Amino acid sequence: MQERDIFDERQELKRASFSCPFCRERNDYDVRWMKRIKKKNFPRHLNQQDRARFDKSRDYMVRMDDVLMCKNMRCRKRFEIPSSQSVVFI
């Protein structure tokens, strides 16, 4: 069984405010997330163990972007997203 059997996937943009560690300027950035929503009905080909896994599963989001580029025209350096979760349960 694969996760595609359990979840529907779609990309989503969330706006977050970060400050560049180089120039210290704060801006709003669009961060891409993959939203995985549990399907309403479980697939028919699942065995007993897979069905239990399906029942325990929850909706969640996975962050796709790890690095952002500073919006300051003088800086434009790339920096990692600081202290932000990479997986969020909905």
C-alpha atoms as a PDB file:
ATOM      1  CA  MET A   1       0.000   0.000   0.000  1.00  0.00           C
ATOM      2  CA  GLN A   2       1.225   3.488  -0.840  1.00  0.00           C
ATOM      3  CA  GLU A   3       0.251   6.869   0.581  1.00  0.00           C
ATOM      4  CA  ARG A   4      -1.492   7.714  -2.685  1.00  0.00           C
ATOM      5  CA  ASP A   5      -4.008   4.989  -1.841  1.00  0.00           C
ATOM      6  CA  ILE A   6      -4.926   6.738   1.429  1.00  0.00           C
ATOM      7  CA  PHE A   7      -4.500  10.469   0.717  1.00  0.00           C
ATOM      8  CA  ASP A   8      -5.470  13.018  -1.912  1.00  0.00           C
ATOM      9  CA  GLU A   9      -2.618  15.488  -2.494  1.00  0.00           C
ATOM     10  CA  ARG A  10      -2.627  19.126  -3.551  1.00  0.00           C
ATOM     11  CA  GLN A  11      -0.156  21.970  -3.305  1.00  0.00           C
ATOM     12  CA  GLU A  12      -0.965  25.047  -1.274  1.00  0.00           C
ATOM     13  CA  LEU A  13       0.760  28.372  -0.673  1.00  0.00           C
ATOM     14  CA  LYS A  14       0.913  29.821   2.818  1.00  0.00           C
ATOM     15  CA  ARG A  15       2.228  33.298   3.570  1.00  0.00           C
ATOM     16  CA  ALA A  16       4.735  33.566   6.400  1.00  0.00           C
ATOM     17  CA  SER A  17       6.889  36.394   7.713  1.00  0.00           C
ATOM     18  CA  PHE A  18      10.649  35.785   7.994  1.00  0.00           C
ATOM     19  CA  SER A  19      13.669  38.006   8.454  1.00  0.00           C
ATOM     20  CA  CYS A  20      16.785  37.494   6.382  1.00  0.00           C
ATOM     21  CA  PRO A  21      19.740  36.517   8.606  1.00  0.00           C
ATOM     22  CA  PHE A  22      22.149  38.499   6.383  1.00  0.00           C
ATOM     23  CA  CYS A  23      20.470  41.888   5.939  1.00  0.00           C
ATOM     24  CA  ARG A  24      17.984  41.556   8.871  1.00  0.00           C
ATOM     25  CA  GLU A  25      15.087  42.815   6.737  1.00  0.00           C
ATOM     26  CA  ARG A  26      11.665  41.284   7.481  1.00  0.00           C
ATOM     27  CA  ASN A  27       9.345  40.327   4.604  1.00  0.00           C
ATOM     28  CA  ASP A  28       6.393  38.091   3.837  1.00  0.00           C
ATOM     29  CA  TYR A  29       7.191  35.001   1.782  1.00  0.00           C
ATOM     30  CA  ASP A  30       4.992  32.427   0.080  1.00  0.00           C
ATOM     31  CA  VAL A  31       5.935  28.951   1.281  1.00  0.00           C
ATOM     32  CA  ARG A  32       4.768  25.885  -0.653  1.00  0.00           C
ATOM     33  CA  TRP A  33       3.093  23.072   1.275  1.00  0.00           C
ATOM     34  CA  MET A  34       1.822  19.686   0.113  1.00  0.00           C
ATOM     35  CA  LYS A  35      -1.549  19.115   1.746  1.00  0.00           C
ATOM     36  CA  ARG A  36      -2.525  15.455   2.143  1.00  0.00           C
ATOM     37  CA  ILE A  37      -6.183  14.874   2.926  1.00  0.00           C
ATOM     38  CA  LYS A  38      -7.466  11.450   3.914  1.00  0.00           C
ATOM     39  CA  LYS A  39      -9.874   9.935   1.382  1.00  0.00           C
ATOM     40  CA  LYS A  40     -13.504   9.487   2.409  1.00  0.00           C
ATOM     41  CA  ASN A  41     -13.656   5.781   1.562  1.00  0.00           C
ATOM     42  CA  PHE A  42     -10.820   3.299   1.858  1.00  0.00           C
ATOM     43  CA  PRO A  43      -9.710   1.422  -1.270  1.00  0.00           C
ATOM     44  CA  ARG A  44     -11.131  -2.069  -1.709  1.00  0.00           C
ATOM     45  CA  HIS A  45      -7.809  -3.880  -2.143  1.00  0.00           C
ATOM     46  CA  LEU A  46      -6.585  -3.178   1.413  1.00  0.00           C
ATOM     47  CA  ASN A  47      -5.942  -6.058   3.791  1.00  0.00           C
ATOM     48  CA  GLN A  48      -6.698  -5.997   7.534  1.00  0.00           C
ATOM     49  CA  GLN A  49      -3.347  -4.415   8.493  1.00  0.00           C
ATOM     50  CA  ASP A  50      -3.652  -1.705   5.819  1.00  0.00           C
ATOM     51  CA  ARG A  51      -7.219  -0.981   6.875  1.00  0.00           C
ATOM     52  CA  ALA A  52      -6.063  -0.398  10.469  1.00  0.00           C
ATOM     53  CA  ARG A  53      -3.368   1.953   9.156  1.00  0.00           C
ATOM     54  CA  PHE A  54      -6.017   3.804   7.139  1.00  0.00           C
ATOM     55  CA  ASP A  55      -8.196   4.237  10.242  1.00  0.00           C
ATOM     56  CA  LYS A  56      -5.288   5.709  12.253  1.00  0.00           C
ATOM     57  CA  SER A  57      -4.144   8.124   9.557  1.00  0.00           C
ATOM     58  CA  ARG A  58      -4.878  11.881   9.788  1.00  0.00           C
ATOM     59  CA  ASP A  59      -4.738  14.856   7.431  1.00  0.00           C
ATOM     60  CA  TYR A  60      -1.375  16.611   7.364  1.00  0.00           C
ATOM     61  CA  MET A  61       0.785  19.092   5.456  1.00  0.00           C
ATOM     62  CA  VAL A  62       4.440  18.742   4.435  1.00  0.00           C
ATOM     63  CA  ARG A  63       6.549  21.822   3.708  1.00  0.00           C
ATOM     64  CA  MET A  64       8.144  21.608   0.260  1.00  0.00           C
ATOM     65  CA  ASP A  65      10.328  24.725   0.412  1.00  0.00           C
ATOM     66  CA  ASP A  66      13.413  24.576   2.612  1.00  0.00           C
ATOM     67  CA  VAL A  67      15.227  27.637   1.262  1.00  0.00           C
ATOM     68  CA  LEU A  68      13.945  31.147   0.476  1.00  0.00           C
ATOM     69  CA  MET A  69      15.539  34.039  -1.400  1.00  0.00           C
ATOM     70  CA  CYS A  70      15.666  37.427   0.302  1.00  0.00           C
ATOM     71  CA  LYS A  71      13.346  40.006  -1.276  1.00  0.00           C
ATOM     72  CA  ASN A  72      15.727  42.884  -0.559  1.00  0.00           C
ATOM     73  CA  MET A  73      17.195  43.883  -3.945  1.00  0.00           C
ATOM     74  CA  ARG A  74      20.620  44.631  -2.420  1.00  0.00           C
ATOM     75  CA  CYS A  75      20.850  41.297  -0.609  1.00  0.00           C
ATOM     76  CA  ARG A  76      19.074  38.562  -2.678  1.00  0.00           C
ATOM     77  CA  LYS A  77      20.842  35.817  -0.679  1.00  0.00           C
ATOM     78  CA  ARG A  78      19.302  32.419  -0.068  1.00  0.00           C
ATOM     79  CA  PHE A  79      18.546  31.360   3.493  1.00  0.00           C
ATOM     80  CA  GLU A  80      16.950  28.356   5.162  1.00  0.00           C
ATOM     81  CA  ILE A  81      13.530  28.669   6.758  1.00  0.00           C
ATOM     82  CA  PRO A  82      14.337  29.082  10.460  1.00  0.00           C
ATOM     83  CA  SER A  83      12.560  27.199  13.259  1.00  0.00           C
ATOM     84  CA  SER A  84       9.490  26.390  11.243  1.00  0.00           C
ATOM     85  CA  GLN A  85       7.870  22.973  11.265  1.00  0.00           C
ATOM     86  CA  SER A  86       8.197  20.817   8.189  1.00  0.00           C
ATOM     87  CA  VAL A  87       5.172  18.609   8.987  1.00  0.00           C
ATOM     88  CA  VAL A  88       1.903  19.899  10.441  1.00  0.00           C
ATOM     89  CA  PHE A  89      -1.062  17.751  11.402  1.00  0.00           C
ATOM     90  CA  ILE A  90      -4.414  19.315  10.570  1.00  0.00           C
END
